[in-house]
Amino acid sequence: MSIVIRPLADEDIPDVVHLWHDVGLTRPWNDPHEDIRRARSVWPDLLLVAEDRPGAGLVGTVMAGYDGHRGWLSYLASAPGRRGEGIGRALVAEAEVRLTALGCPKVMLMVRAENDAVIDFYRADGYAVNDVAVLGKRLIPDE
């Protein structure tokens, strides 16, 4: 596989949001443009895109973050017609390398409980399901 993984650039945003919509990662209560803006304001080099070659179009994304205690992965996506090529694994590996370089001791992610295929994907990459409850509270509504 000869993809290029790099930080997201401004001109990538429409394609990234389109990919997230295509693969079902977006939700009506989360504005993906705001998620991108917020992530880039804290860790601009951790929102990554994958492309076949420069200018050839995006084939994947991952958004990583680090809060000083643990890293987080979200918005992992591979283009629907490119699944099974290792793009997701390459994106996760690059995010892990970047988090490790920041001193991040562990990485976490959330997957919807009914998404068995994605849970299996991460398990095959060494991730384990933890026995925890994830709670959330919206502080700023996206409109």
N, C-alpha and C. Protein backbone atom coordinates (compact mmCIF):
# COMPACT_ATOMS: atom_id res chain seq x y z
N MET A 1 0.86 -1.17 0.00
CA MET A 1 0.00 0.00 0.00
C MET A 1 0.90 1.24 0.00
N SER A 2 0.57 2.19 -0.82
CA SER A 2 1.41 3.37 -0.95
C SER A 2 0.64 4.66 -0.64
N ILE A 3 -0.14 4.63 0.41
CA ILE A 3 -0.87 5.85 0.77
C ILE A 3 0.05 6.81 1.50
N VAL A 4 -0.34 8.08 1.49
CA VAL A 4 0.36 9.12 2.23
C VAL A 4 -0.55 9.54 3.37
N ILE A 5 -0.02 9.56 4.58
CA ILE A 5 -0.77 10.02 5.75
C ILE A 5 -0.16 11.34 6.19
N ARG A 6 -1.03 12.34 6.36
CA ARG A 6 -0.55 13.67 6.71
C ARG A 6 -1.64 14.39 7.50
N PRO A 7 -1.27 15.49 8.19
CA PRO A 7 -2.29 16.28 8.88
C PRO A 7 -3.27 16.91 7.88
N LEU A 8 -4.49 17.06 8.32
CA LEU A 8 -5.54 17.67 7.52
C LEU A 8 -5.16 19.10 7.15
N ALA A 9 -5.44 19.49 5.91
CA ALA A 9 -5.26 20.86 5.44
C ALA A 9 -6.64 21.47 5.22
N ASP A 10 -6.70 22.79 5.20
CA ASP A 10 -7.99 23.47 5.02
C ASP A 10 -8.76 22.95 3.81
N GLU A 11 -8.06 22.73 2.71
CA GLU A 11 -8.74 22.30 1.49
C GLU A 11 -9.29 20.88 1.58
N ASP A 12 -8.90 20.11 2.59
CA ASP A 12 -9.40 18.74 2.78
C ASP A 12 -10.76 18.70 3.46
N ILE A 13 -11.14 19.77 4.13
CA ILE A 13 -12.32 19.73 5.00
C ILE A 13 -13.58 19.28 4.28
N PRO A 14 -13.94 19.81 3.11
CA PRO A 14 -15.17 19.32 2.45
C PRO A 14 -15.14 17.81 2.17
N ASP A 15 -13.99 17.30 1.71
CA ASP A 15 -13.89 15.87 1.42
C ASP A 15 -13.97 15.03 2.69
N VAL A 16 -13.38 15.52 3.77
CA VAL A 16 -13.42 14.81 5.05
C VAL A 16 -14.85 14.71 5.55
N VAL A 17 -15.55 15.84 5.56
CA VAL A 17 -16.94 15.84 6.03
C VAL A 17 -17.80 14.95 5.15
N HIS A 18 -17.57 14.98 3.85
CA HIS A 18 -18.31 14.11 2.93
C HIS A 18 -18.06 12.63 3.24
N LEU A 19 -16.80 12.28 3.48
CA LEU A 19 -16.46 10.89 3.83
C LEU A 19 -17.14 10.49 5.14
N TRP A 20 -17.10 11.35 6.14
CA TRP A 20 -17.73 11.03 7.42
C TRP A 20 -19.23 10.81 7.26
N HIS A 21 -19.86 11.62 6.42
CA HIS A 21 -21.29 11.42 6.15
C HIS A 21 -21.51 10.08 5.44
N ASP A 22 -20.68 9.80 4.43
CA ASP A 22 -20.83 8.57 3.64
C ASP A 22 -20.75 7.30 4.49
N VAL A 23 -19.88 7.32 5.49
CA VAL A 23 -19.69 6.11 6.29
C VAL A 23 -20.49 6.11 7.59
N GLY A 24 -21.32 7.12 7.78
CA GLY A 24 -22.23 7.13 8.93
C GLY A 24 -21.62 7.56 10.25
N LEU A 25 -20.55 8.32 10.21
CA LEU A 25 -19.92 8.76 11.46
C LEU A 25 -20.54 10.02 12.05
N THR A 26 -21.27 10.76 11.26
CA THR A 26 -21.83 12.01 11.75
C THR A 26 -23.17 11.77 12.43
N ARG A 27 -23.53 12.68 13.31
CA ARG A 27 -24.81 12.65 14.00
C ARG A 27 -25.40 14.05 13.93
N PRO A 28 -26.71 14.17 13.90
CA PRO A 28 -27.34 15.49 13.73
C PRO A 28 -26.96 16.49 14.81
N TRP A 29 -26.64 16.04 15.99
CA TRP A 29 -26.34 16.96 17.09
C TRP A 29 -24.86 17.37 17.12
N ASN A 30 -24.03 16.81 16.26
CA ASN A 30 -22.62 17.19 16.17
C ASN A 30 -22.35 17.80 14.81
N ASP A 31 -21.86 19.02 14.78
CA ASP A 31 -21.48 19.66 13.54
C ASP A 31 -20.04 19.22 13.23
N PRO A 32 -19.82 18.45 12.16
CA PRO A 32 -18.47 17.96 11.88
C PRO A 32 -17.47 19.09 11.60
N HIS A 33 -17.94 20.20 11.04
CA HIS A 33 -17.04 21.33 10.81
C HIS A 33 -16.54 21.90 12.15
N GLU A 34 -17.43 21.96 13.13
CA GLU A 34 -17.03 22.43 14.46
C GLU A 34 -16.09 21.43 15.12
N ASP A 35 -16.35 20.13 14.96
CA ASP A 35 -15.44 19.13 15.52
C ASP A 35 -14.03 19.30 14.94
N ILE A 36 -13.96 19.54 13.64
CA ILE A 36 -12.66 19.75 13.00
C ILE A 36 -12.00 21.01 13.54
N ARG A 37 -12.75 22.10 13.61
CA ARG A 37 -12.19 23.37 14.09
C ARG A 37 -11.67 23.22 15.52
N ARG A 38 -12.47 22.58 16.36
CA ARG A 38 -12.06 22.41 17.76
C ARG A 38 -10.82 21.53 17.87
N ALA A 39 -10.80 20.42 17.15
CA ALA A 39 -9.65 19.51 17.22
C ALA A 39 -8.38 20.20 16.74
N ARG A 40 -8.47 20.92 15.66
CA ARG A 40 -7.29 21.59 15.11
C ARG A 40 -6.80 22.73 16.00
N SER A 41 -7.68 23.29 16.82
CA SER A 41 -7.25 24.37 17.70
C SER A 41 -6.40 23.85 18.86
N VAL A 42 -6.47 22.56 19.15
CA VAL A 42 -5.72 21.97 20.26
C VAL A 42 -4.55 21.14 19.75
N TRP A 43 -4.81 20.19 18.86
CA TRP A 43 -3.79 19.28 18.34
C TRP A 43 -3.89 19.23 16.81
N PRO A 44 -3.43 20.25 16.11
CA PRO A 44 -3.60 20.29 14.66
C PRO A 44 -2.91 19.16 13.91
N ASP A 45 -1.85 18.60 14.48
CA ASP A 45 -1.14 17.52 13.79
C ASP A 45 -1.70 16.14 14.10
N LEU A 46 -2.80 16.08 14.85
CA LEU A 46 -3.40 14.78 15.19
C LEU A 46 -4.68 14.49 14.44
N LEU A 47 -5.14 15.38 13.60
CA LEU A 47 -6.27 15.09 12.72
C LEU A 47 -5.65 14.75 11.37
N LEU A 48 -5.65 13.44 11.07
CA LEU A 48 -4.89 12.92 9.93
C LEU A 48 -5.79 12.49 8.79
N VAL A 49 -5.27 12.64 7.59
CA VAL A 49 -5.95 12.15 6.40
C VAL A 49 -5.01 11.21 5.66
N ALA A 50 -5.60 10.30 4.91
CA ALA A 50 -4.84 9.39 4.05
C ALA A 50 -5.26 9.64 2.62
N GLU A 51 -4.29 9.70 1.73
CA GLU A 51 -4.57 9.85 0.31
C GLU A 51 -3.64 8.91 -0.46
N ASP A 52 -4.09 8.50 -1.65
CA ASP A 52 -3.25 7.62 -2.47
C ASP A 52 -1.93 8.29 -2.82
N ARG A 53 -2.02 9.53 -3.24
CA ARG A 53 -0.87 10.35 -3.56
C ARG A 53 -1.35 11.79 -3.49
N PRO A 54 -0.46 12.74 -3.33
CA PRO A 54 -0.92 14.13 -3.22
C PRO A 54 -1.83 14.54 -4.37
N GLY A 55 -2.99 15.09 -4.01
CA GLY A 55 -3.95 15.57 -4.99
C GLY A 55 -4.87 14.52 -5.57
N ALA A 56 -4.72 13.26 -5.15
CA ALA A 56 -5.52 12.18 -5.74
C ALA A 56 -6.82 11.93 -5.01
N GLY A 57 -7.09 12.65 -3.94
CA GLY A 57 -8.32 12.45 -3.18
C GLY A 57 -8.07 11.66 -1.92
N LEU A 58 -8.93 11.91 -0.94
CA LEU A 58 -8.78 11.28 0.37
C LEU A 58 -9.38 9.88 0.38
N VAL A 59 -8.73 8.98 1.09
CA VAL A 59 -9.24 7.62 1.23
C VAL A 59 -9.43 7.24 2.69
N GLY A 60 -9.12 8.15 3.62
CA GLY A 60 -9.32 7.83 5.02
C GLY A 60 -9.00 9.00 5.94
N THR A 61 -9.49 8.88 7.19
CA THR A 61 -9.23 9.89 8.21
C THR A 61 -9.16 9.24 9.59
N VAL A 62 -8.51 9.93 10.50
CA VAL A 62 -8.61 9.64 11.93
C VAL A 62 -8.34 10.94 12.68
N MET A 63 -9.07 11.13 13.76
CA MET A 63 -8.87 12.29 14.63
C MET A 63 -8.37 11.75 15.97
N ALA A 64 -7.18 12.19 16.37
CA ALA A 64 -6.64 11.79 17.66
C ALA A 64 -6.58 13.01 18.58
N GLY A 65 -6.52 12.76 19.85
CA GLY A 65 -6.38 13.81 20.84
C GLY A 65 -5.66 13.27 22.05
N TYR A 66 -5.17 14.16 22.88
CA TYR A 66 -4.44 13.75 24.08
C TYR A 66 -4.75 14.74 25.18
N ASP A 67 -5.23 14.23 26.31
CA ASP A 67 -5.64 15.11 27.42
C ASP A 67 -4.62 15.13 28.56
N GLY A 68 -3.44 14.53 28.34
CA GLY A 68 -2.42 14.47 29.38
C GLY A 68 -2.48 13.20 30.20
N HIS A 69 -3.59 12.49 30.12
CA HIS A 69 -3.75 11.23 30.84
C HIS A 69 -3.90 10.07 29.86
N ARG A 70 -4.67 10.30 28.80
CA ARG A 70 -4.88 9.26 27.79
C ARG A 70 -5.13 9.91 26.45
N GLY A 71 -4.84 9.15 25.42
CA GLY A 71 -5.15 9.59 24.06
C GLY A 71 -6.51 9.06 23.66
N TRP A 72 -7.08 9.71 22.67
CA TRP A 72 -8.39 9.30 22.15
C TRP A 72 -8.33 9.23 20.64
N LEU A 73 -9.02 8.27 20.07
CA LEU A 73 -9.19 8.18 18.63
C LEU A 73 -10.66 8.32 18.31
N SER A 74 -10.96 9.05 17.26
CA SER A 74 -12.32 9.15 16.77
C SER A 74 -12.28 9.43 15.27
N TYR A 75 -13.43 9.39 14.66
CA TYR A 75 -13.58 9.66 13.23
C TYR A 75 -12.63 8.83 12.37
N LEU A 76 -12.37 7.59 12.76
CA LEU A 76 -11.60 6.70 11.88
C LEU A 76 -12.53 6.29 10.74
N ALA A 77 -12.11 6.54 9.53
CA ALA A 77 -12.93 6.21 8.37
C ALA A 77 -12.04 5.82 7.20
N SER A 78 -12.48 4.81 6.47
CA SER A 78 -11.87 4.46 5.19
C SER A 78 -12.95 4.62 4.13
N ALA A 79 -12.56 5.06 2.95
CA ALA A 79 -13.50 5.18 1.86
C ALA A 79 -14.18 3.84 1.63
N PRO A 80 -15.50 3.82 1.48
CA PRO A 80 -16.23 2.55 1.37
C PRO A 80 -15.66 1.58 0.32
N GLY A 81 -15.24 2.07 -0.80
CA GLY A 81 -14.69 1.19 -1.84
C GLY A 81 -13.27 0.75 -1.59
N ARG A 82 -12.66 1.22 -0.50
CA ARG A 82 -11.26 0.92 -0.20
C ARG A 82 -11.08 0.11 1.07
N ARG A 83 -12.18 -0.32 1.66
CA ARG A 83 -12.08 -1.09 2.91
C ARG A 83 -11.36 -2.41 2.67
N GLY A 84 -10.62 -2.85 3.67
CA GLY A 84 -9.88 -4.10 3.57
C GLY A 84 -8.48 -3.94 3.01
N GLU A 85 -8.09 -2.70 2.70
CA GLU A 85 -6.76 -2.47 2.13
C GLU A 85 -5.72 -2.08 3.17
N GLY A 86 -6.12 -1.96 4.44
CA GLY A 86 -5.18 -1.59 5.49
C GLY A 86 -5.10 -0.10 5.75
N ILE A 87 -5.97 0.68 5.14
CA ILE A 87 -5.95 2.13 5.34
C ILE A 87 -6.25 2.48 6.79
N GLY A 88 -7.29 1.89 7.35
CA GLY A 88 -7.65 2.15 8.75
C GLY A 88 -6.52 1.78 9.69
N ARG A 89 -5.93 0.63 9.48
CA ARG A 89 -4.83 0.20 10.35
C ARG A 89 -3.63 1.14 10.23
N ALA A 90 -3.35 1.61 9.02
CA ALA A 90 -2.23 2.54 8.84
C ALA A 90 -2.52 3.87 9.55
N LEU A 91 -3.76 4.34 9.48
CA LEU A 91 -4.12 5.58 10.16
C LEU A 91 -4.01 5.42 11.68
N VAL A 92 -4.50 4.31 12.21
CA VAL A 92 -4.41 4.07 13.66
C VAL A 92 -2.94 3.99 14.07
N ALA A 93 -2.14 3.28 13.30
CA ALA A 93 -0.71 3.16 13.64
C ALA A 93 -0.03 4.52 13.66
N GLU A 94 -0.32 5.37 12.68
CA GLU A 94 0.30 6.70 12.66
C GLU A 94 -0.18 7.55 13.83
N ALA A 95 -1.46 7.47 14.14
CA ALA A 95 -1.97 8.21 15.30
C ALA A 95 -1.28 7.72 16.58
N GLU A 96 -1.09 6.42 16.72
CA GLU A 96 -0.42 5.87 17.90
C GLU A 96 1.02 6.35 17.98
N VAL A 97 1.72 6.41 16.86
CA VAL A 97 3.10 6.90 16.84
C VAL A 97 3.14 8.36 17.32
N ARG A 98 2.22 9.17 16.81
CA ARG A 98 2.21 10.58 17.18
C ARG A 98 1.84 10.77 18.65
N LEU A 99 0.89 9.97 19.14
CA LEU A 99 0.53 10.06 20.56
C LEU A 99 1.68 9.61 21.45
N THR A 100 2.35 8.55 21.08
CA THR A 100 3.49 8.06 21.85
C THR A 100 4.59 9.13 21.91
N ALA A 101 4.82 9.81 20.80
CA ALA A 101 5.84 10.87 20.76
C ALA A 101 5.51 12.01 21.71
N LEU A 102 4.22 12.18 22.02
CA LEU A 102 3.79 13.22 22.96
C LEU A 102 3.87 12.74 24.41
N GLY A 103 4.23 11.47 24.63
CA GLY A 103 4.30 10.91 25.97
C GLY A 103 3.00 10.29 26.43
N CYS A 104 2.11 10.05 25.52
CA CYS A 104 0.79 9.49 25.85
C CYS A 104 0.94 8.02 26.23
N PRO A 105 0.51 7.64 27.46
CA PRO A 105 0.73 6.27 27.91
C PRO A 105 -0.32 5.25 27.44
N LYS A 106 -1.51 5.70 27.06
CA LYS A 106 -2.54 4.76 26.61
C LYS A 106 -3.50 5.49 25.70
N VAL A 107 -4.20 4.72 24.90
CA VAL A 107 -5.15 5.31 23.96
C VAL A 107 -6.49 4.61 24.09
N MET A 108 -7.54 5.39 23.97
CA MET A 108 -8.90 4.89 24.14
C MET A 108 -9.72 5.31 22.91
N LEU A 109 -10.85 4.69 22.75
CA LEU A 109 -11.79 5.09 21.71
C LEU A 109 -13.16 4.59 22.08
N MET A 110 -14.15 5.17 21.45
CA MET A 110 -15.53 4.74 21.68
C MET A 110 -16.09 4.22 20.37
N VAL A 111 -16.81 3.12 20.47
CA VAL A 111 -17.50 2.51 19.33
C VAL A 111 -18.92 2.24 19.78
N ARG A 112 -19.87 2.54 18.93
CA ARG A 112 -21.26 2.24 19.27
C ARG A 112 -21.39 0.74 19.54
N ALA A 113 -22.06 0.38 20.63
CA ALA A 113 -22.09 -0.99 21.12
C ALA A 113 -22.58 -1.99 20.08
N GLU A 114 -23.45 -1.56 19.18
CA GLU A 114 -24.00 -2.49 18.19
C GLU A 114 -23.10 -2.67 16.96
N ASN A 115 -21.99 -1.94 16.90
CA ASN A 115 -21.13 -1.97 15.72
C ASN A 115 -20.07 -3.07 15.86
N ASP A 116 -20.51 -4.30 15.76
CA ASP A 116 -19.64 -5.45 15.96
C ASP A 116 -18.45 -5.47 15.00
N ALA A 117 -18.65 -5.08 13.76
CA ALA A 117 -17.56 -5.12 12.78
C ALA A 117 -16.42 -4.19 13.18
N VAL A 118 -16.75 -3.02 13.68
CA VAL A 118 -15.71 -2.07 14.09
C VAL A 118 -15.05 -2.53 15.39
N ILE A 119 -15.83 -3.08 16.29
CA ILE A 119 -15.25 -3.63 17.52
C ILE A 119 -14.26 -4.74 17.17
N ASP A 120 -14.64 -5.61 16.26
CA ASP A 120 -13.74 -6.68 15.83
C ASP A 120 -12.48 -6.12 15.16
N PHE A 121 -12.63 -5.05 14.37
CA PHE A 121 -11.48 -4.40 13.73
C PHE A 121 -10.46 -3.97 14.78
N TYR A 122 -10.92 -3.28 15.82
CA TYR A 122 -10.01 -2.79 16.85
C TYR A 122 -9.45 -3.94 17.68
N ARG A 123 -10.26 -4.93 17.98
CA ARG A 123 -9.74 -6.08 18.74
C ARG A 123 -8.60 -6.75 17.99
N ALA A 124 -8.72 -6.86 16.68
CA ALA A 124 -7.66 -7.47 15.88
C ALA A 124 -6.38 -6.64 15.92
N ASP A 125 -6.49 -5.39 16.30
CA ASP A 125 -5.33 -4.49 16.38
C ASP A 125 -4.83 -4.33 17.81
N GLY A 126 -5.30 -5.20 18.73
CA GLY A 126 -4.78 -5.19 20.09
C GLY A 126 -5.60 -4.40 21.10
N TYR A 127 -6.72 -3.84 20.68
CA TYR A 127 -7.58 -3.09 21.60
C TYR A 127 -8.51 -4.05 22.32
N ALA A 128 -8.86 -3.71 23.56
CA ALA A 128 -9.76 -4.55 24.36
C ALA A 128 -10.97 -3.73 24.78
N VAL A 129 -12.09 -4.40 24.89
CA VAL A 129 -13.30 -3.75 25.40
C VAL A 129 -13.13 -3.62 26.91
N ASN A 130 -13.26 -2.40 27.42
CA ASN A 130 -13.14 -2.15 28.85
C ASN A 130 -14.52 -2.15 29.49
N ASP A 131 -14.57 -2.59 30.73
CA ASP A 131 -15.83 -2.63 31.46
C ASP A 131 -16.04 -1.28 32.16
N VAL A 132 -16.43 -0.29 31.36
CA VAL A 132 -16.68 1.05 31.90
C VAL A 132 -17.97 1.60 31.27
N ALA A 133 -18.55 2.53 31.94
CA ALA A 133 -19.68 3.26 31.37
C ALA A 133 -19.16 4.61 30.89
N VAL A 134 -19.54 5.00 29.71
CA VAL A 134 -19.15 6.29 29.17
C VAL A 134 -20.33 7.24 29.35
N LEU A 135 -20.09 8.31 30.06
CA LEU A 135 -21.13 9.31 30.28
C LEU A 135 -20.75 10.58 29.53
N GLY A 136 -21.74 11.34 29.15
CA GLY A 136 -21.46 12.56 28.42
C GLY A 136 -22.42 13.66 28.81
N LYS A 137 -21.97 14.88 28.61
CA LYS A 137 -22.79 16.04 28.87
C LYS A 137 -22.42 17.11 27.85
N ARG A 138 -23.38 17.61 27.13
CA ARG A 138 -23.14 18.64 26.12
C ARG A 138 -23.00 19.97 26.83
N LEU A 139 -21.86 20.64 26.63
CA LEU A 139 -21.62 21.96 27.22
C LEU A 139 -21.93 23.09 26.23
N ILE A 140 -21.63 22.86 24.96
CA ILE A 140 -21.89 23.84 23.92
C ILE A 140 -22.66 23.15 22.81
N PRO A 141 -23.91 23.52 22.59
CA PRO A 141 -24.65 22.85 21.50
C PRO A 141 -24.15 23.30 20.14
N ASP A 142 -24.05 22.36 19.22
CA ASP A 142 -23.76 22.69 17.82
C ASP A 142 -25.08 22.98 17.15
N GLU A 143 -25.15 24.10 16.49
CA GLU A 143 -26.42 24.47 15.85
C GLU A 143 -26.30 24.49 14.37
